[in-house]
Amino acid sequence: MVLIKSQRDTLLAPLQSVSGIVERRHTLPILSNVLLEKKGERLTLLATDIEIQITTVTDGAIGDGDGAVTVGARKLQEILRSLPDTAEISLLLEDKRLQVRAGKSRFSLQTLPADDFPRMTLTEGDTRSFQITQKAFRQLIGKTQYSMAAQDVRYYLNGLLLLVEGKELRAVATDGHRLAYASVAIDTELPRQELILPRKTVLELNRLLVDNEEPLNITLASNQVRFAFGSVVLVSKLIDGKFPDYERVVPASLRNHMTVSRQTLMQAMQRAAILTNEKFRGIRVVLADNSLKLIAANAEQEEAQEEIEVDYTGEPIDVGFNVGYLLDVLNNVHTEEVQWSFNDANSSALITVPGNDRFKYVIMPMRI
């Protein structure tokens, strides 16, 4: 039976949307597969790793009838990607095998029954929904996600806090050494609710969302969240844990403030970072009247020094930071200038955007 006959990209584009979450080696073999489900000319593709599920729908899938099958997601994607852009693809089901044909190319892939494929459904009941543009949400997570922990034993740090309250949506991430906070206005008035998105969900959303004004519908449940945009629906479990009180981490009053061109500061740091110690990546920040020096050294006793003019008239300061953490924020906040505020060399510093209280970045100093 010819399950599907279509152009290569009609299959490849939706397959790439869902296959990012597929694990190469999983204890459950079926989780390495993608579910292909055809009804009429509509083809649904679904992938899951039990924690996250992504579904997408595409039209124009012509074939002999309806059917469903699961097949290795990575293998199918690599086959389709290797074929010419203009190739016409046929997918045929024969004796529990999926035959992929294009021109004179033939591939025979192992399948597993569609009925065995696990599916996640959003827990109905007490759910709340709101809408935001894809661009606004992608920018919100872009300003914060780099501060998530990667494999911290404090599992709640390996994710991103989303907090809705009133007509505001906030995102917060921290790994214990730095914290990023961003917020955006939404149209819907909502009661306060906190949820922690897993790291993998955040990275997948950042990959799939587009910087446009198209709507993103977010539905919050007690232990799950659903994101629906374009032809994609992503359902994710939430991290069960208590996120740190980020408001206590953000310094309330700082005495010394410096305003500087983001681009100038970033380029100077990138140059100085070349000679930092590879493991600790420490850089000295030396502030005096209208002058900022960046000093880096390594175990081979090589040294880099950069000096730039800044708008600063506060106390002299000599403080060390992880240059990687500083470059993370400068790379992800796309403004002309940033404001850097300090008290002294022993307390955390705050990076903000002049005239904008919707972004804050707190960074702890380090001994050099």
Protein backbone atom coordinates (compact mmCIF):
# COMPACT_ATOMS: atom_id res chain seq x y z
CA MET A 1 0.00 0.00 0.00
CA VAL A 2 1.32 3.45 -0.94
CA LEU A 3 0.83 5.30 2.32
CA ILE A 4 2.16 8.67 1.14
CA LYS A 5 3.35 10.19 -2.11
CA SER A 6 4.66 13.75 -1.88
CA GLN A 7 7.51 16.16 -2.55
CA ARG A 8 10.58 15.71 -0.33
CA ASP A 9 10.15 18.97 1.62
CA THR A 10 6.47 18.25 2.34
CA LEU A 11 7.76 15.39 4.50
CA LEU A 12 11.16 16.68 5.59
CA ALA A 13 10.08 20.05 7.08
CA PRO A 14 7.51 18.62 9.54
CA LEU A 15 9.82 15.70 10.35
CA GLN A 16 12.58 18.17 11.33
CA SER A 17 10.07 20.00 13.56
CA VAL A 18 9.34 16.94 15.68
CA SER A 19 12.55 14.90 15.57
CA GLY A 20 14.69 17.29 17.67
CA ILE A 21 13.47 15.66 20.90
CA VAL A 22 14.06 12.08 19.76
CA GLU A 23 16.82 10.35 21.73
CA ARG A 24 19.26 8.33 19.62
CA ARG A 25 19.45 5.50 22.15
CA HIS A 26 16.51 4.96 24.44
CA THR A 27 15.65 2.09 26.76
CA LEU A 28 12.29 1.95 24.96
CA PRO A 29 13.12 1.38 21.26
CA ILE A 30 9.81 2.87 20.08
CA LEU A 31 10.84 6.27 21.51
CA SER A 32 13.53 6.46 18.82
CA ASN A 33 10.71 6.40 16.28
CA VAL A 34 8.35 8.99 14.87
CA LEU A 35 4.65 8.22 14.47
CA LEU A 36 3.30 8.84 10.96
CA GLU A 37 -0.49 8.93 10.87
CA LYS A 38 -2.36 9.55 7.60
CA LYS A 39 -6.06 10.40 7.31
CA GLY A 40 -7.21 11.58 3.90
CA GLU A 41 -4.59 14.05 2.67
CA ARG A 42 -3.63 15.04 6.20
CA LEU A 43 -0.43 13.63 7.67
CA THR A 44 0.26 13.92 11.41
CA LEU A 45 3.81 13.40 12.71
CA LEU A 46 4.38 12.85 16.42
CA ALA A 47 7.53 12.34 18.49
CA THR A 48 8.00 12.02 22.24
CA ASP A 49 10.60 11.23 24.90
CA ILE A 50 7.87 10.74 27.57
CA GLU A 51 8.67 14.18 29.08
CA ILE A 52 7.97 16.22 25.93
CA GLN A 53 5.74 15.53 22.94
CA ILE A 54 5.72 17.43 19.64
CA THR A 55 2.99 17.02 17.04
CA THR A 56 2.78 18.66 13.64
CA VAL A 57 0.30 18.36 10.79
CA THR A 58 0.85 18.77 7.07
CA ASP A 59 -1.56 18.59 4.14
CA GLY A 60 -1.03 17.28 0.62
CA ALA A 61 -0.13 13.69 1.57
CA ILE A 62 -1.63 11.68 -1.31
CA GLY A 63 -1.85 7.89 -1.00
CA ASP A 64 -3.99 4.77 -1.39
CA GLY A 65 -5.67 4.97 1.99
CA ASP A 66 -5.35 5.79 5.66
CA GLY A 67 -2.84 4.19 7.98
CA ALA A 68 -0.37 4.69 10.80
CA VAL A 69 3.15 3.42 11.46
CA THR A 70 6.22 4.29 13.54
CA VAL A 71 9.70 4.35 12.01
CA GLY A 72 13.20 5.45 13.10
CA ALA A 73 13.04 9.26 13.16
CA ARG A 74 16.75 9.98 12.60
CA LYS A 75 17.14 7.43 9.83
CA LEU A 76 14.11 8.70 7.92
CA GLN A 77 15.28 12.29 8.35
CA GLU A 78 18.79 11.50 7.10
CA ILE A 79 17.41 9.62 4.08
CA LEU A 80 15.09 12.49 3.12
CA ARG A 81 17.82 15.07 3.68
CA SER A 82 20.22 13.18 1.42
CA LEU A 83 17.78 13.09 -1.51
CA PRO A 84 17.53 15.93 -4.09
CA ASP A 85 15.30 18.92 -3.18
CA THR A 86 12.97 18.19 -6.09
CA ALA A 87 12.64 14.46 -5.39
CA GLU A 88 9.18 12.92 -5.25
CA ILE A 89 8.98 10.51 -2.33
CA SER A 90 6.79 7.44 -1.96
CA LEU A 91 6.32 5.71 1.39
CA LEU A 92 4.93 2.17 1.10
CA LEU A 93 3.92 -0.24 3.86
CA GLU A 94 4.93 -3.82 3.05
CA ASP A 95 5.27 -6.71 5.52
CA LYS A 96 5.89 -4.51 8.59
CA ARG A 97 8.51 -2.54 6.68
CA LEU A 98 8.36 1.02 5.43
CA GLN A 99 9.72 1.28 1.90
CA VAL A 100 11.08 4.73 0.99
CA ARG A 101 11.39 5.28 -2.76
CA ALA A 102 12.63 8.23 -4.76
CA GLY A 103 13.70 7.88 -8.39
CA LYS A 104 15.94 4.81 -8.41
CA SER A 105 16.72 4.99 -4.68
CA ARG A 106 15.19 2.33 -2.42
CA PHE A 107 15.30 2.08 1.38
CA SER A 108 13.62 -0.52 3.58
CA LEU A 109 13.09 0.53 7.21
CA GLN A 110 11.99 -1.47 10.24
CA THR A 111 8.71 -0.35 11.83
CA LEU A 112 6.96 -0.80 15.17
CA PRO A 113 3.16 -0.81 15.68
CA ALA A 114 1.49 2.59 15.91
CA ASP A 115 -0.81 1.31 18.69
CA ASP A 116 2.24 0.86 20.96
CA PHE A 117 3.36 4.48 20.60
CA PRO A 118 2.95 6.44 23.88
CA ARG A 119 0.99 9.68 23.72
CA MET A 120 0.75 12.58 26.16
CA THR A 121 -2.53 14.43 26.58
CA LEU A 122 -2.87 17.67 28.50
CA THR A 123 -4.54 17.07 31.84
CA GLU A 124 -7.96 18.61 31.50
CA GLY A 125 -9.56 20.44 34.40
CA ASP A 126 -8.03 23.53 35.96
CA THR A 127 -6.22 25.00 32.94
CA ARG A 128 -5.47 28.62 32.04
CA SER A 129 -4.68 29.89 28.57
CA PHE A 130 -3.24 33.06 27.09
CA GLN A 131 -1.74 34.24 23.83
CA ILE A 132 1.52 35.99 22.98
CA THR A 133 3.39 36.50 19.72
CA GLN A 134 6.06 33.94 18.81
CA LYS A 135 8.61 36.75 18.60
CA ALA A 136 7.86 38.12 22.08
CA PHE A 137 8.09 34.70 23.72
CA ARG A 138 11.23 33.70 21.83
CA GLN A 139 12.90 36.96 22.91
CA LEU A 140 11.78 36.35 26.50
CA ILE A 141 13.44 32.94 26.69
CA GLY A 142 16.41 34.16 24.61
CA LYS A 143 17.20 36.77 27.29
CA THR A 144 17.19 34.19 30.09
CA GLN A 145 17.83 30.60 28.94
CA TYR A 146 21.65 30.82 28.94
CA SER A 147 21.56 31.13 32.74
CA MET A 148 19.91 27.72 33.24
CA ALA A 149 22.00 25.07 34.97
CA ALA A 150 22.89 22.04 32.86
CA GLN A 151 23.25 19.06 35.23
CA ASP A 152 22.83 20.49 38.70
CA VAL A 153 21.79 18.15 41.53
CA ARG A 154 19.31 20.90 42.41
CA TYR A 155 17.14 19.66 39.53
CA TYR A 156 14.82 22.71 39.66
CA LEU A 157 17.75 24.86 38.44
CA ASN A 158 18.00 22.75 35.23
CA GLY A 159 15.05 24.64 33.79
CA LEU A 160 13.38 28.01 33.36
CA LEU A 161 10.85 29.55 35.72
CA LEU A 162 7.77 30.96 34.00
CA LEU A 163 5.58 33.11 36.20
CA VAL A 164 2.26 34.64 35.15
CA GLU A 165 0.60 37.27 37.31
CA GLY A 166 -1.96 39.84 36.27
CA LYS A 167 -1.10 40.88 32.74
CA GLU A 168 2.59 40.02 32.99
CA LEU A 169 4.66 36.99 32.03
CA ARG A 170 8.11 36.63 33.60
CA ALA A 171 10.98 34.26 32.86
CA VAL A 172 13.84 33.57 35.30
CA ALA A 173 16.87 31.26 35.06
CA THR A 174 19.78 30.75 37.43
CA ASP A 175 22.63 28.28 37.93
CA GLY A 176 23.64 29.67 41.33
CA HIS A 177 26.44 31.86 39.88
CA ARG A 178 24.28 34.23 37.81
CA LEU A 179 20.58 34.96 37.32
CA ALA A 180 18.70 36.33 34.31
CA TYR A 181 15.22 37.87 34.57
CA ALA A 182 12.99 39.17 31.78
CA SER A 183 9.29 40.07 31.57
CA VAL A 184 6.72 40.91 28.93
CA ALA A 185 3.13 42.20 28.99
CA ILE A 186 0.27 39.89 27.97
CA ASP A 187 -3.36 40.71 27.13
CA THR A 188 -5.02 38.25 29.54
CA GLU A 189 -5.47 38.94 33.26
CA LEU A 190 -4.35 35.79 35.12
CA PRO A 191 -3.93 34.76 38.77
CA ARG A 192 -0.36 34.12 39.92
CA GLN A 193 1.02 30.78 38.76
CA GLU A 194 4.60 29.51 38.70
CA LEU A 195 5.92 26.65 36.59
CA ILE A 196 9.41 25.34 35.80
CA LEU A 197 9.99 24.33 32.18
CA PRO A 198 12.61 21.59 31.65
CA ARG A 199 15.80 22.69 29.93
CA LYS A 200 15.11 20.49 26.89
CA THR A 201 11.66 22.08 26.41
CA VAL A 202 13.14 25.57 26.51
CA LEU A 203 15.85 24.74 23.95
CA GLU A 204 13.28 23.08 21.67
CA LEU A 205 10.96 26.09 21.82
CA ASN A 206 13.86 28.39 21.01
CA ARG A 207 14.62 26.21 17.97
CA LEU A 208 11.04 25.97 16.69
CA LEU A 209 9.63 29.45 17.31
CA VAL A 210 10.00 32.13 14.64
CA ASP A 211 10.68 35.86 15.13
CA ASN A 212 7.33 36.98 13.76
CA GLU A 213 4.00 38.32 15.02
CA GLU A 214 2.17 34.99 14.57
CA PRO A 215 0.32 33.83 17.71
CA LEU A 216 1.62 31.37 20.28
CA ASN A 217 -1.13 29.89 22.47
CA ILE A 218 0.05 28.75 25.91
CA THR A 219 -2.13 26.55 28.12
CA LEU A 220 -1.05 25.99 31.72
CA ALA A 221 -2.11 22.94 33.74
CA SER A 222 -0.98 21.80 37.19
CA ASN A 223 1.87 19.56 35.97
CA GLN A 224 1.96 20.19 32.21
CA VAL A 225 2.04 23.02 29.70
CA ARG A 226 1.00 23.15 26.04
CA PHE A 227 2.43 25.47 23.38
CA ALA A 228 0.48 25.66 20.09
CA PHE A 229 1.85 27.67 17.15
CA GLY A 230 1.56 27.33 13.40
CA SER A 231 1.04 23.62 12.73
CA VAL A 232 3.01 22.56 15.82
CA VAL A 233 1.74 21.52 19.26
CA LEU A 234 4.32 20.93 22.01
CA VAL A 235 3.19 19.38 25.31
CA SER A 236 5.70 19.23 28.16
CA LYS A 237 5.77 17.93 31.70
CA LEU A 238 6.94 20.45 34.30
CA ILE A 239 9.77 20.17 36.83
CA ASP A 240 8.27 19.52 40.24
CA GLY A 241 10.18 21.69 42.69
CA LYS A 242 10.40 25.09 44.37
CA PHE A 243 12.39 27.65 42.40
CA PRO A 244 14.57 30.03 44.48
CA ASP A 245 13.10 33.42 45.42
CA TYR A 246 14.70 35.43 42.62
CA GLU A 247 13.53 38.77 44.05
CA ARG A 248 15.87 38.27 47.04
CA VAL A 249 18.81 37.67 44.67
CA VAL A 250 18.40 40.92 42.70
CA PRO A 251 20.31 43.67 44.57
CA ALA A 252 17.97 46.44 45.68
CA SER A 253 20.38 49.36 46.04
CA LEU A 254 23.74 49.72 44.30
CA ARG A 255 25.93 52.81 44.62
CA ASN A 256 28.09 52.75 41.49
CA HIS A 257 26.71 52.77 37.94
CA MET A 258 28.44 52.55 34.58
CA THR A 259 26.86 52.96 31.14
CA VAL A 260 28.71 51.50 28.17
CA SER A 261 28.20 50.53 24.53
CA ARG A 262 27.25 46.85 24.52
CA GLN A 263 29.08 46.17 21.26
CA THR A 264 32.30 47.91 22.37
CA LEU A 265 32.32 46.08 25.72
CA MET A 266 31.55 42.71 24.11
CA GLN A 267 34.33 43.01 21.53
CA ALA A 268 36.87 44.05 24.19
CA MET A 269 35.85 41.08 26.35
CA GLN A 270 36.08 38.65 23.43
CA ARG A 271 39.67 39.76 22.82
CA ALA A 272 40.66 39.62 26.49
CA ALA A 273 38.98 36.22 26.91
CA ILE A 274 41.51 34.65 24.49
CA LEU A 275 44.14 34.69 27.27
CA THR A 276 41.97 33.66 30.23
CA ASN A 277 42.57 30.44 32.12
CA GLU A 278 40.65 27.78 30.14
CA LYS A 279 39.07 26.24 33.24
CA PHE A 280 38.12 29.29 35.34
CA ARG A 281 37.85 31.97 32.62
CA GLY A 282 38.38 34.76 35.14
CA ILE A 283 38.74 38.39 34.04
CA ARG A 284 39.53 41.46 36.15
CA VAL A 285 37.29 44.48 35.73
CA VAL A 286 39.05 47.65 36.92
CA LEU A 287 36.92 50.78 37.04
CA ALA A 288 38.09 54.35 37.53
CA ASP A 289 36.75 57.74 36.35
CA ASN A 290 35.38 57.22 32.80
CA SER A 291 37.74 54.27 32.30
CA LEU A 292 37.21 50.53 32.26
CA LYS A 293 40.15 48.12 32.08
CA LEU A 294 39.72 44.42 31.36
CA ILE A 295 42.70 42.30 32.41
CA ALA A 296 43.09 38.57 31.73
CA ALA A 297 45.94 36.18 32.44
CA ASN A 298 46.53 32.44 32.26
CA ALA A 299 48.77 29.70 33.69
CA GLU A 300 51.45 30.40 31.04
CA GLN A 301 51.70 33.94 32.49
CA GLU A 302 50.38 35.47 29.27
CA GLU A 303 48.30 38.61 29.75
CA ALA A 304 45.72 40.64 27.83
CA GLN A 305 44.63 44.18 28.70
CA GLU A 306 41.84 46.20 27.12
CA GLU A 307 40.85 49.73 28.08
CA ILE A 308 37.67 51.50 26.95
CA GLU A 309 36.02 54.81 27.77
CA VAL A 310 32.84 54.51 29.79
CA ASP A 311 30.36 56.80 31.51
CA TYR A 312 31.50 56.28 35.13
CA THR A 313 32.25 58.61 38.04
CA GLY A 314 31.81 56.26 41.02
CA GLU A 315 34.29 54.68 43.44
CA PRO A 316 37.34 52.85 42.03
CA ILE A 317 36.59 49.13 41.77
CA ASP A 318 38.76 46.09 41.01
CA VAL A 319 36.64 42.94 40.76
CA GLY A 320 36.84 39.54 39.04
CA PHE A 321 34.13 37.80 36.99
CA ASN A 322 33.73 34.74 34.79
CA VAL A 323 34.09 36.28 31.31
CA GLY A 324 31.90 33.54 29.79
CA TYR A 325 28.98 34.63 31.97
CA LEU A 326 29.48 38.25 30.90
CA LEU A 327 29.66 37.37 27.20
CA ASP A 328 26.47 35.30 27.53
CA VAL A 329 24.44 38.31 28.57
CA LEU A 330 26.06 40.70 26.08
CA ASN A 331 25.39 38.25 23.23
CA ASN A 332 21.71 37.84 24.11
CA VAL A 333 20.57 41.36 25.00
CA HIS A 334 20.34 43.24 21.73
CA THR A 335 20.48 46.87 22.85
CA GLU A 336 22.83 49.76 22.06
CA GLU A 337 23.93 50.25 25.66
CA VAL A 338 23.94 48.36 28.94
CA GLN A 339 24.16 49.66 32.49
CA TRP A 340 26.45 47.87 34.93
CA SER A 341 25.92 48.55 38.66
CA PHE A 342 28.20 47.62 41.58
CA ASN A 343 28.64 48.13 45.29
CA ASP A 344 32.12 46.67 45.82
CA ALA A 345 34.37 43.77 44.80
CA ASN A 346 32.69 41.32 47.21
CA SER A 347 29.03 41.71 46.26
CA SER A 348 27.05 40.72 43.18
CA ALA A 349 26.78 43.12 40.25
CA LEU A 350 23.69 43.97 38.19
CA ILE A 351 23.48 44.44 34.42
CA THR A 352 20.38 46.18 33.08
CA VAL A 353 19.18 48.07 30.01
CA PRO A 354 18.98 51.87 30.47
CA GLY A 355 15.35 52.99 30.72
CA ASN A 356 13.98 49.42 30.75
CA ASP A 357 13.07 47.58 33.96
CA ARG A 358 11.95 44.43 32.13
CA PHE A 359 15.45 42.89 32.10
CA LYS A 360 17.91 42.18 34.93
CA TYR A 361 21.09 40.09 35.05
CA VAL A 362 22.78 39.39 38.38
CA ILE A 363 26.32 38.01 38.42
CA MET A 364 28.42 36.93 41.37
CA PRO A 365 32.07 38.04 41.52
CA MET A 366 34.93 35.54 41.57
CA ARG A 367 38.36 35.62 43.19
CA ILE A 368 41.22 35.95 40.71
